Amino acid sequence: MKKTVLFLVAFLMLACESQVHIQLTCKDAITHKPLEGVAVSVQAGLNGDYTKSTAQGTTDAAGFFETFLMIGCPGKCYDIYITYSKEGYQSKKELNVTDGEVLLEQVKP
């Protein structure tokens, strides 16, 4: 009986952890052409503390970025905060957007 209870508790704790699949394509807001080399920083957390789980990288030649991120659910799942930056473009920040197109605007001279 004791082993069953321990197994059940362990299972419930692990069941609270999940993985989110993030797949985005960064494009120029005017031309809609893919942007290679956009720095993407992904952070997960709650209440302004986005250090619980992180990932980062850059977009490929097709403007594509993909990663998997562990998010916890100790009562509430983490928010996902994503920052995009590329020289010549305005940085962009989004909350809880994990797929689709991201349009970046060029910096005005």
C-alpha atoms as a PDB file:
ATOM      1  CA  MET A   1       0.000   0.000   0.000  1.00  0.00           C
ATOM      2  CA  LYS A   2       2.815   2.412   0.900  1.00  0.00           C
ATOM      3  CA  LYS A   3       4.500   1.831  -2.489  1.00  0.00           C
ATOM      4  CA  THR A   4       1.217   2.493  -4.288  1.00  0.00           C
ATOM      5  CA  VAL A   5       0.773   5.811  -2.481  1.00  0.00           C
ATOM      6  CA  LEU A   6       4.360   6.859  -3.235  1.00  0.00           C
ATOM      7  CA  PHE A   7       3.922   5.911  -6.897  1.00  0.00           C
ATOM      8  CA  LEU A   8       0.686   7.878  -7.115  1.00  0.00           C
ATOM      9  CA  VAL A   9       2.260  10.980  -5.537  1.00  0.00           C
ATOM     10  CA  ALA A  10       5.278  10.749  -7.872  1.00  0.00           C
ATOM     11  CA  PHE A  11       3.020  10.307 -10.896  1.00  0.00           C
ATOM     12  CA  LEU A  12       0.897  13.325  -9.992  1.00  0.00           C
ATOM     13  CA  MET A  13       3.987  15.487  -9.512  1.00  0.00           C
ATOM     14  CA  LEU A  14       5.397  14.464 -12.897  1.00  0.00           C
ATOM     15  CA  ALA A  15       2.030  14.870 -14.582  1.00  0.00           C
ATOM     16  CA  CYS A  16       2.165  18.557 -13.693  1.00  0.00           C
ATOM     17  CA  GLU A  17       5.225  19.045 -15.883  1.00  0.00           C
ATOM     18  CA  SER A  18       4.556  19.447 -19.553  1.00  0.00           C
ATOM     19  CA  GLN A  19       6.397  20.457 -22.672  1.00  0.00           C
ATOM     20  CA  VAL A  20       5.337  23.183 -25.068  1.00  0.00           C
ATOM     21  CA  HIS A  21       6.313  23.181 -28.750  1.00  0.00           C
ATOM     22  CA  ILE A  22       7.219  26.639 -29.995  1.00  0.00           C
ATOM     23  CA  GLN A  23       7.387  27.172 -33.758  1.00  0.00           C
ATOM     24  CA  LEU A  24       7.418  30.637 -35.271  1.00  0.00           C
ATOM     25  CA  THR A  25       8.309  32.320 -38.531  1.00  0.00           C
ATOM     26  CA  CYS A  26       9.725  35.852 -38.411  1.00  0.00           C
ATOM     27  CA  LYS A  27       9.011  38.106 -41.375  1.00  0.00           C
ATOM     28  CA  ASP A  28       9.459  41.708 -42.418  1.00  0.00           C
ATOM     29  CA  ALA A  29       6.237  43.601 -41.604  1.00  0.00           C
ATOM     30  CA  ILE A  30       6.160  45.384 -44.991  1.00  0.00           C
ATOM     31  CA  THR A  31       7.521  42.861 -47.499  1.00  0.00           C
ATOM     32  CA  HIS A  32       6.516  39.695 -45.614  1.00  0.00           C
ATOM     33  CA  LYS A  33       9.868  38.180 -46.613  1.00  0.00           C
ATOM     34  CA  PRO A  34      11.403  35.751 -44.093  1.00  0.00           C
ATOM     35  CA  LEU A  35      14.032  37.201 -41.765  1.00  0.00           C
ATOM     36  CA  GLU A  36      17.150  35.130 -41.162  1.00  0.00           C
ATOM     37  CA  GLY A  37      19.193  35.689 -38.016  1.00  0.00           C
ATOM     38  CA  VAL A  38      16.489  37.036 -35.713  1.00  0.00           C
ATOM     39  CA  ALA A  39      17.587  36.418 -32.115  1.00  0.00           C
ATOM     40  CA  VAL A  40      14.761  34.692 -30.250  1.00  0.00           C
ATOM     41  CA  SER A  41      14.745  34.445 -26.453  1.00  0.00           C
ATOM     42  CA  VAL A  42      12.065  32.313 -24.794  1.00  0.00           C
ATOM     43  CA  GLN A  43      11.454  32.456 -21.053  1.00  0.00           C
ATOM     44  CA  ALA A  44       8.813  30.782 -18.900  1.00  0.00           C
ATOM     45  CA  GLY A  45       7.641  31.661 -15.419  1.00  0.00           C
ATOM     46  CA  LEU A  46       4.998  33.359 -13.318  1.00  0.00           C
ATOM     47  CA  ASN A  47       4.383  36.797 -11.828  1.00  0.00           C
ATOM     48  CA  GLY A  48       7.267  38.526 -13.607  1.00  0.00           C
ATOM     49  CA  ASP A  49       9.826  35.825 -12.759  1.00  0.00           C
ATOM     50  CA  TYR A  50      10.567  34.358 -16.192  1.00  0.00           C
ATOM     51  CA  THR A  51      13.582  32.273 -15.171  1.00  0.00           C
ATOM     52  CA  LYS A  52      11.912  28.903 -14.588  1.00  0.00           C
ATOM     53  CA  SER A  53      12.682  27.574 -18.080  1.00  0.00           C
ATOM     54  CA  THR A  54      14.525  29.246 -20.968  1.00  0.00           C
ATOM     55  CA  ALA A  55      15.578  28.668 -24.570  1.00  0.00           C
ATOM     56  CA  GLN A  56      17.216  30.826 -27.194  1.00  0.00           C
ATOM     57  CA  GLY A  57      18.408  30.713 -30.760  1.00  0.00           C
ATOM     58  CA  THR A  58      18.134  32.397 -34.143  1.00  0.00           C
ATOM     59  CA  THR A  59      15.856  32.027 -37.122  1.00  0.00           C
ATOM     60  CA  ASP A  60      17.054  30.083 -40.166  1.00  0.00           C
ATOM     61  CA  ALA A  61      17.089  31.236 -43.817  1.00  0.00           C
ATOM     62  CA  ALA A  62      13.312  30.683 -44.007  1.00  0.00           C
ATOM     63  CA  GLY A  63      12.770  32.840 -40.888  1.00  0.00           C
ATOM     64  CA  PHE A  64      11.820  29.718 -38.901  1.00  0.00           C
ATOM     65  CA  PHE A  65      12.517  29.160 -35.206  1.00  0.00           C
ATOM     66  CA  GLU A  66      11.591  26.042 -33.268  1.00  0.00           C
ATOM     67  CA  THR A  67      12.200  24.807 -29.756  1.00  0.00           C
ATOM     68  CA  PHE A  68      10.626  22.732 -27.006  1.00  0.00           C
ATOM     69  CA  LEU A  69      10.309  24.180 -23.531  1.00  0.00           C
ATOM     70  CA  MET A  70       9.415  22.494 -20.256  1.00  0.00           C
ATOM     71  CA  ILE A  71       6.688  24.327 -18.382  1.00  0.00           C
ATOM     72  CA  GLY A  72       5.501  23.463 -14.919  1.00  0.00           C
ATOM     73  CA  CYS A  73       2.045  23.385 -13.493  1.00  0.00           C
ATOM     74  CA  PRO A  74       2.342  23.613  -9.698  1.00  0.00           C
ATOM     75  CA  GLY A  75      -1.199  24.949  -9.506  1.00  0.00           C
ATOM     76  CA  LYS A  76      -0.841  27.137 -12.598  1.00  0.00           C
ATOM     77  CA  CYS A  77       1.131  26.677 -15.802  1.00  0.00           C
ATOM     78  CA  TYR A  78       3.892  29.133 -16.595  1.00  0.00           C
ATOM     79  CA  ASP A  79       3.458  32.080 -18.911  1.00  0.00           C
ATOM     80  CA  ILE A  80       5.774  32.128 -21.937  1.00  0.00           C
ATOM     81  CA  TYR A  81       7.511  35.408 -22.716  1.00  0.00           C
ATOM     82  CA  ILE A  82       9.286  35.696 -26.094  1.00  0.00           C
ATOM     83  CA  THR A  83      11.601  38.489 -27.249  1.00  0.00           C
ATOM     84  CA  TYR A  84      12.671  38.995 -30.887  1.00  0.00           C
ATOM     85  CA  SER A  85      15.558  41.214 -31.983  1.00  0.00           C
ATOM     86  CA  LYS A  86      17.480  41.861 -35.179  1.00  0.00           C
ATOM     87  CA  GLU A  87      19.715  44.746 -36.183  1.00  0.00           C
ATOM     88  CA  GLY A  88      17.780  47.232 -38.294  1.00  0.00           C
ATOM     89  CA  TYR A  89      14.441  46.123 -36.823  1.00  0.00           C
ATOM     90  CA  GLN A  90      12.462  47.153 -33.762  1.00  0.00           C
ATOM     91  CA  SER A  91      12.593  44.571 -30.978  1.00  0.00           C
ATOM     92  CA  LYS A  92       9.321  42.860 -30.243  1.00  0.00           C
ATOM     93  CA  LYS A  93       8.025  41.135 -27.102  1.00  0.00           C
ATOM     94  CA  GLU A  94       5.060  38.766 -26.886  1.00  0.00           C
ATOM     95  CA  LEU A  95       3.385  36.843 -24.095  1.00  0.00           C
ATOM     96  CA  ASN A  96       1.963  33.331 -24.612  1.00  0.00           C
ATOM     97  CA  VAL A  97       2.225  33.306 -28.415  1.00  0.00           C
ATOM     98  CA  THR A  98       3.884  30.011 -29.329  1.00  0.00           C
ATOM     99  CA  ASP A  99       3.139  29.563 -33.033  1.00  0.00           C
ATOM    100  CA  GLY A 100       2.435  31.494 -36.224  1.00  0.00           C
ATOM    101  CA  GLU A 101       4.002  34.516 -37.879  1.00  0.00           C
ATOM    102  CA  VAL A 102       5.871  37.287 -36.141  1.00  0.00           C
ATOM    103  CA  LEU A 103       6.108  40.530 -38.109  1.00  0.00           C
ATOM    104  CA  LEU A 104       9.036  42.814 -37.315  1.00  0.00           C
ATOM    105  CA  GLU A 105       9.094  46.467 -38.337  1.00  0.00           C
ATOM    106  CA  GLN A 106      12.228  48.119 -39.673  1.00  0.00           C
ATOM    107  CA  VAL A 107      13.770  50.914 -37.616  1.00  0.00           C
ATOM    108  CA  LYS A 108      12.889  54.238 -39.186  1.00  0.00           C
ATOM    109  CA  PRO A 109      15.920  56.353 -40.129  1.00  0.00           C
END
